Amino acid sequence: MPYDPRLVAPMRDEMVRMGAKELKTAGEVDDALGDQRGTTLVFVNSVCGCAAGNARPALALALGNAVRPGHIVTVFAGQDVDATARARQYFAEYAPSSPSMALFRDGEVVHFIHRHQIEGQSPQAVAANLTAAFDKYCGATV
């Protein structure tokens, strides 16, 4: 059963303020990830306080990097169930994890951050992981 929308609204709003496009249906996920060109970061959002509470600030810090993905999209685990399930099909080689982040380049996952790589880490440490991936794989200043 999905979370109460009022509970997740602040976490959704935080992602939208960062410029992420929310994907709420499987069709929206297919439109965003189905025939990718360039780079796309998929952020699997979550209510988990111990990991998501660091993941969103980490992404905000990483987006200050000069090199960024061309597209940033988000699905909300436990809220947008179909969209999250569809997104996870695009990175099925990685165990389901929320929060998590998948960086795609031309349709291939080139970097993935699992929940266990976020828990117990500072937002700065997670941001450093992300910006290293942005620098390595995105290669264009946005």
Foldseek 3Di string as FASTA:
>chain_A
DADDCVLCVVVVVLCVVLVAAEDQALVSLCVDQVFDAAKEKEWAAEPDCQFNVLQSLLVSVLSVDQFDTPHYYYYYPRHSPRNLVNNCVLVVVDPDAPGKMFMDHRSHTPDIGHSVNRGPDHSPVSNVVVNVCRVVGRVDGD
